[in-house]
Amino acid sequence: MSLERIDPAGLALARGFSHAVAATGGRLVLLAGQTALDAAGTVVAGGLPEQFERALTNLLAALRAAGGGPEHLARVTVYATDVGAYRAHARELGRIWRRLAGREYPAMAVVGVVRLWDEEAMVELDGLAVLP
């Protein structure tokens, strides 16, 4: 299995994501949306960075349970209830991503939403991974 991260010269510089990811071979794992729920089913205290960290931790836990790691992520979609706040915290969220998932970025999108299933949640992440 291999993931090839593709960032064409004619597109804007990709920072914190890849423009395209091509997957060859392997096992496809679809990861359900994860918010900042703790093991008791309560949204963690704090603001957007704390919620992002927990949601990413939850996503990676599901991926590890399927036998994969962050390097296997081909695509992640971030759903944010306040895209302006997400942009304002982008540097901090990037540091959290790099600490938990490394520097091999999947294809990504941030989508603004009115609200999430868990009313207190500010962010949700889902993904697609390709495992060997």
C-alpha atoms as a PDB file:
ATOM      1  CA  MET A   1       0.000   0.000   0.000  1.00  0.00           C
ATOM      2  CA  SER A   2       1.207   3.473  -0.719  1.00  0.00           C
ATOM      3  CA  LEU A   3      -0.136   6.992  -0.457  1.00  0.00           C
ATOM      4  CA  GLU A   4       1.250   9.565  -2.868  1.00  0.00           C
ATOM      5  CA  ARG A   5       0.688  13.179  -1.798  1.00  0.00           C
ATOM      6  CA  ILE A   6       0.289  15.402  -4.863  1.00  0.00           C
ATOM      7  CA  ASP A   7       0.663  19.190  -4.834  1.00  0.00           C
ATOM      8  CA  PRO A   8       0.703  20.507  -8.421  1.00  0.00           C
ATOM      9  CA  ALA A   9       2.854  23.529  -9.221  1.00  0.00           C
ATOM     10  CA  GLY A  10      -0.084  25.438 -10.744  1.00  0.00           C
ATOM     11  CA  LEU A  11      -2.067  25.478  -7.478  1.00  0.00           C
ATOM     12  CA  ALA A  12      -1.573  27.640  -4.402  1.00  0.00           C
ATOM     13  CA  LEU A  13       0.986  26.324  -1.912  1.00  0.00           C
ATOM     14  CA  ALA A  14      -0.582  23.594   0.247  1.00  0.00           C
ATOM     15  CA  ARG A  15      -0.023  24.356   3.923  1.00  0.00           C
ATOM     16  CA  GLY A  16      -1.393  21.852   6.396  1.00  0.00           C
ATOM     17  CA  PHE A  17      -3.033  19.706   3.705  1.00  0.00           C
ATOM     18  CA  SER A  18      -2.304  18.008   0.395  1.00  0.00           C
ATOM     19  CA  HIS A  19      -4.180  18.949  -2.792  1.00  0.00           C
ATOM     20  CA  ALA A  20      -4.562  15.288  -3.730  1.00  0.00           C
ATOM     21  CA  VAL A  21      -3.656  11.906  -2.308  1.00  0.00           C
ATOM     22  CA  ALA A  22      -3.458   8.851  -4.556  1.00  0.00           C
ATOM     23  CA  ALA A  23      -3.812   5.468  -2.836  1.00  0.00           C
ATOM     24  CA  THR A  24      -2.555   2.208  -4.300  1.00  0.00           C
ATOM     25  CA  GLY A  25      -3.498  -1.183  -2.864  1.00  0.00           C
ATOM     26  CA  GLY A  26      -4.485  -1.804   0.704  1.00  0.00           C
ATOM     27  CA  ARG A  27      -7.571  -1.846   2.892  1.00  0.00           C
ATOM     28  CA  LEU A  28     -10.003   1.086   2.877  1.00  0.00           C
ATOM     29  CA  VAL A  29     -11.112   2.348   6.305  1.00  0.00           C
ATOM     30  CA  LEU A  30     -13.936   4.895   6.545  1.00  0.00           C
ATOM     31  CA  LEU A  31     -13.797   6.846   9.797  1.00  0.00           C
ATOM     32  CA  ALA A  32     -17.023   8.197  11.287  1.00  0.00           C
ATOM     33  CA  GLY A  33     -17.256  11.794  12.446  1.00  0.00           C
ATOM     34  CA  GLN A  34     -15.638  12.380  15.819  1.00  0.00           C
ATOM     35  CA  THR A  35     -16.339  15.313  18.094  1.00  0.00           C
ATOM     36  CA  ALA A  36     -14.725  16.202  21.416  1.00  0.00           C
ATOM     37  CA  LEU A  37     -16.571  13.534  23.399  1.00  0.00           C
ATOM     38  CA  ASP A  38     -14.698  11.942  26.277  1.00  0.00           C
ATOM     39  CA  ALA A  39     -15.162   8.280  27.229  1.00  0.00           C
ATOM     40  CA  ALA A  40     -18.217   9.221  29.340  1.00  0.00           C
ATOM     41  CA  GLY A  41     -19.908  10.832  26.326  1.00  0.00           C
ATOM     42  CA  THR A  42     -19.414  14.421  27.503  1.00  0.00           C
ATOM     43  CA  VAL A  43     -17.931  17.179  25.338  1.00  0.00           C
ATOM     44  CA  VAL A  44     -14.596  18.190  26.895  1.00  0.00           C
ATOM     45  CA  ALA A  45     -14.266  21.582  28.535  1.00  0.00           C
ATOM     46  CA  GLY A  46     -12.411  24.396  26.834  1.00  0.00           C
ATOM     47  CA  GLY A  47     -12.486  26.146  23.517  1.00  0.00           C
ATOM     48  CA  LEU A  48     -11.919  25.212  19.915  1.00  0.00           C
ATOM     49  CA  PRO A  49      -8.267  24.066  20.301  1.00  0.00           C
ATOM     50  CA  GLU A  50      -9.173  21.713  23.160  1.00  0.00           C
ATOM     51  CA  GLN A  51     -12.123  20.343  21.225  1.00  0.00           C
ATOM     52  CA  PHE A  52     -10.049  19.925  18.063  1.00  0.00           C
ATOM     53  CA  GLU A  53      -7.384  18.024  19.995  1.00  0.00           C
ATOM     54  CA  ARG A  54      -9.942  15.650  21.508  1.00  0.00           C
ATOM     55  CA  ALA A  55     -11.771  15.133  18.191  1.00  0.00           C
ATOM     56  CA  LEU A  56      -8.479  14.344  16.434  1.00  0.00           C
ATOM     57  CA  THR A  57      -7.452  12.051  19.301  1.00  0.00           C
ATOM     58  CA  ASN A  58     -10.788  10.230  18.942  1.00  0.00           C
ATOM     59  CA  LEU A  59     -10.396   9.928  15.159  1.00  0.00           C
ATOM     60  CA  LEU A  60      -6.883   8.525  15.534  1.00  0.00           C
ATOM     61  CA  ALA A  61      -8.074   6.081  18.236  1.00  0.00           C
ATOM     62  CA  ALA A  62     -10.699   4.715  15.827  1.00  0.00           C
ATOM     63  CA  LEU A  63      -8.043   4.452  13.114  1.00  0.00           C
ATOM     64  CA  ARG A  64      -5.627   2.633  15.441  1.00  0.00           C
ATOM     65  CA  ALA A  65      -8.415   0.204  16.419  1.00  0.00           C
ATOM     66  CA  ALA A  66      -8.728  -0.614  12.699  1.00  0.00           C
ATOM     67  CA  GLY A  67      -4.986  -1.290  12.549  1.00  0.00           C
ATOM     68  CA  GLY A  68      -3.771   2.020  11.126  1.00  0.00           C
ATOM     69  CA  GLY A  69      -2.003   5.193  12.079  1.00  0.00           C
ATOM     70  CA  PRO A  70      -2.015   8.845  11.022  1.00  0.00           C
ATOM     71  CA  GLU A  71       0.296   8.080   8.097  1.00  0.00           C
ATOM     72  CA  HIS A  72      -2.552   6.067   6.531  1.00  0.00           C
ATOM     73  CA  LEU A  73      -4.995   8.999   6.395  1.00  0.00           C
ATOM     74  CA  ALA A  74      -5.852   9.843   2.792  1.00  0.00           C
ATOM     75  CA  ARG A  75      -8.667  12.338   3.499  1.00  0.00           C
ATOM     76  CA  VAL A  76     -10.009  14.260   6.507  1.00  0.00           C
ATOM     77  CA  THR A  77     -12.998  16.586   6.528  1.00  0.00           C
ATOM     78  CA  VAL A  78     -13.301  19.122   9.345  1.00  0.00           C
ATOM     79  CA  TYR A  79     -16.769  20.442  10.144  1.00  0.00           C
ATOM     80  CA  ALA A  80     -16.633  23.696  12.120  1.00  0.00           C
ATOM     81  CA  THR A  81     -19.504  25.681  13.618  1.00  0.00           C
ATOM     82  CA  ASP A  82     -17.400  28.861  13.293  1.00  0.00           C
ATOM     83  CA  VAL A  83     -14.974  28.889  10.366  1.00  0.00           C
ATOM     84  CA  GLY A  84     -13.721  32.330  11.436  1.00  0.00           C
ATOM     85  CA  ALA A  85     -12.683  30.947  14.826  1.00  0.00           C
ATOM     86  CA  TYR A  86     -11.105  27.946  13.089  1.00  0.00           C
ATOM     87  CA  ARG A  87      -9.032  30.301  10.911  1.00  0.00           C
ATOM     88  CA  ALA A  88      -8.113  32.439  13.936  1.00  0.00           C
ATOM     89  CA  HIS A  89      -6.762  29.322  15.719  1.00  0.00           C
ATOM     90  CA  ALA A  90      -5.180  27.813  12.583  1.00  0.00           C
ATOM     91  CA  ARG A  91      -1.577  27.988  13.836  1.00  0.00           C
ATOM     92  CA  GLU A  92      -2.454  26.353  17.157  1.00  0.00           C
ATOM     93  CA  LEU A  93      -4.591  23.706  15.436  1.00  0.00           C
ATOM     94  CA  GLY A  94      -1.678  23.019  13.089  1.00  0.00           C
ATOM     95  CA  ARG A  95       0.644  22.484  16.047  1.00  0.00           C
ATOM     96  CA  ILE A  96      -1.891  20.062  17.583  1.00  0.00           C
ATOM     97  CA  TRP A  97      -2.162  18.201  14.255  1.00  0.00           C
ATOM     98  CA  ARG A  98       1.619  17.881  13.881  1.00  0.00           C
ATOM     99  CA  ARG A  99       2.031  16.677  17.492  1.00  0.00           C
ATOM    100  CA  LEU A 100      -0.667  14.000  17.157  1.00  0.00           C
ATOM    101  CA  ALA A 101      -0.585  13.084  13.454  1.00  0.00           C
ATOM    102  CA  GLY A 102       2.765  14.252  12.075  1.00  0.00           C
ATOM    103  CA  ARG A 103       3.602  16.192   8.916  1.00  0.00           C
ATOM    104  CA  GLU A 104       2.225  13.867   6.246  1.00  0.00           C
ATOM    105  CA  TYR A 105      -1.019  15.673   5.489  1.00  0.00           C
ATOM    106  CA  PRO A 106      -4.084  14.075   3.932  1.00  0.00           C
ATOM    107  CA  ALA A 107      -6.334  15.812   1.444  1.00  0.00           C
ATOM    108  CA  MET A 108      -8.478  18.042   3.669  1.00  0.00           C
ATOM    109  CA  ALA A 109     -11.452  20.366   3.660  1.00  0.00           C
ATOM    110  CA  VAL A 110     -12.975  22.606   6.320  1.00  0.00           C
ATOM    111  CA  VAL A 111     -16.747  22.936   6.028  1.00  0.00           C
ATOM    112  CA  GLY A 112     -18.809  25.475   7.957  1.00  0.00           C
ATOM    113  CA  VAL A 113     -21.929  24.026   9.570  1.00  0.00           C
ATOM    114  CA  VAL A 114     -24.763  25.506  11.606  1.00  0.00           C
ATOM    115  CA  ARG A 115     -24.389  22.954  14.391  1.00  0.00           C
ATOM    116  CA  LEU A 116     -23.210  19.437  15.087  1.00  0.00           C
ATOM    117  CA  TRP A 117     -24.980  16.421  16.600  1.00  0.00           C
ATOM    118  CA  ASP A 118     -23.509  17.190  20.028  1.00  0.00           C
ATOM    119  CA  GLU A 119     -24.886  20.683  20.580  1.00  0.00           C
ATOM    120  CA  GLU A 120     -21.831  21.894  22.546  1.00  0.00           C
ATOM    121  CA  ALA A 121     -19.413  20.613  19.900  1.00  0.00           C
ATOM    122  CA  MET A 122     -17.571  23.217  17.834  1.00  0.00           C
ATOM    123  CA  VAL A 123     -15.711  20.832  15.538  1.00  0.00           C
ATOM    124  CA  GLU A 124     -16.059  17.333  14.083  1.00  0.00           C
ATOM    125  CA  LEU A 125     -13.576  15.334  12.003  1.00  0.00           C
ATOM    126  CA  ASP A 126     -14.205  12.367   9.743  1.00  0.00           C
ATOM    127  CA  GLY A 127     -11.792  10.611   7.465  1.00  0.00           C
ATOM    128  CA  LEU A 128     -10.753   7.959   5.038  1.00  0.00           C
ATOM    129  CA  ALA A 129      -7.626   5.861   5.455  1.00  0.00           C
ATOM    130  CA  VAL A 130      -5.884   3.254   3.321  1.00  0.00           C
ATOM    131  CA  LEU A 131      -4.058   0.529   5.269  1.00  0.00           C
ATOM    132  CA  PRO A 132      -1.536  -1.962   3.912  1.00  0.00           C
END
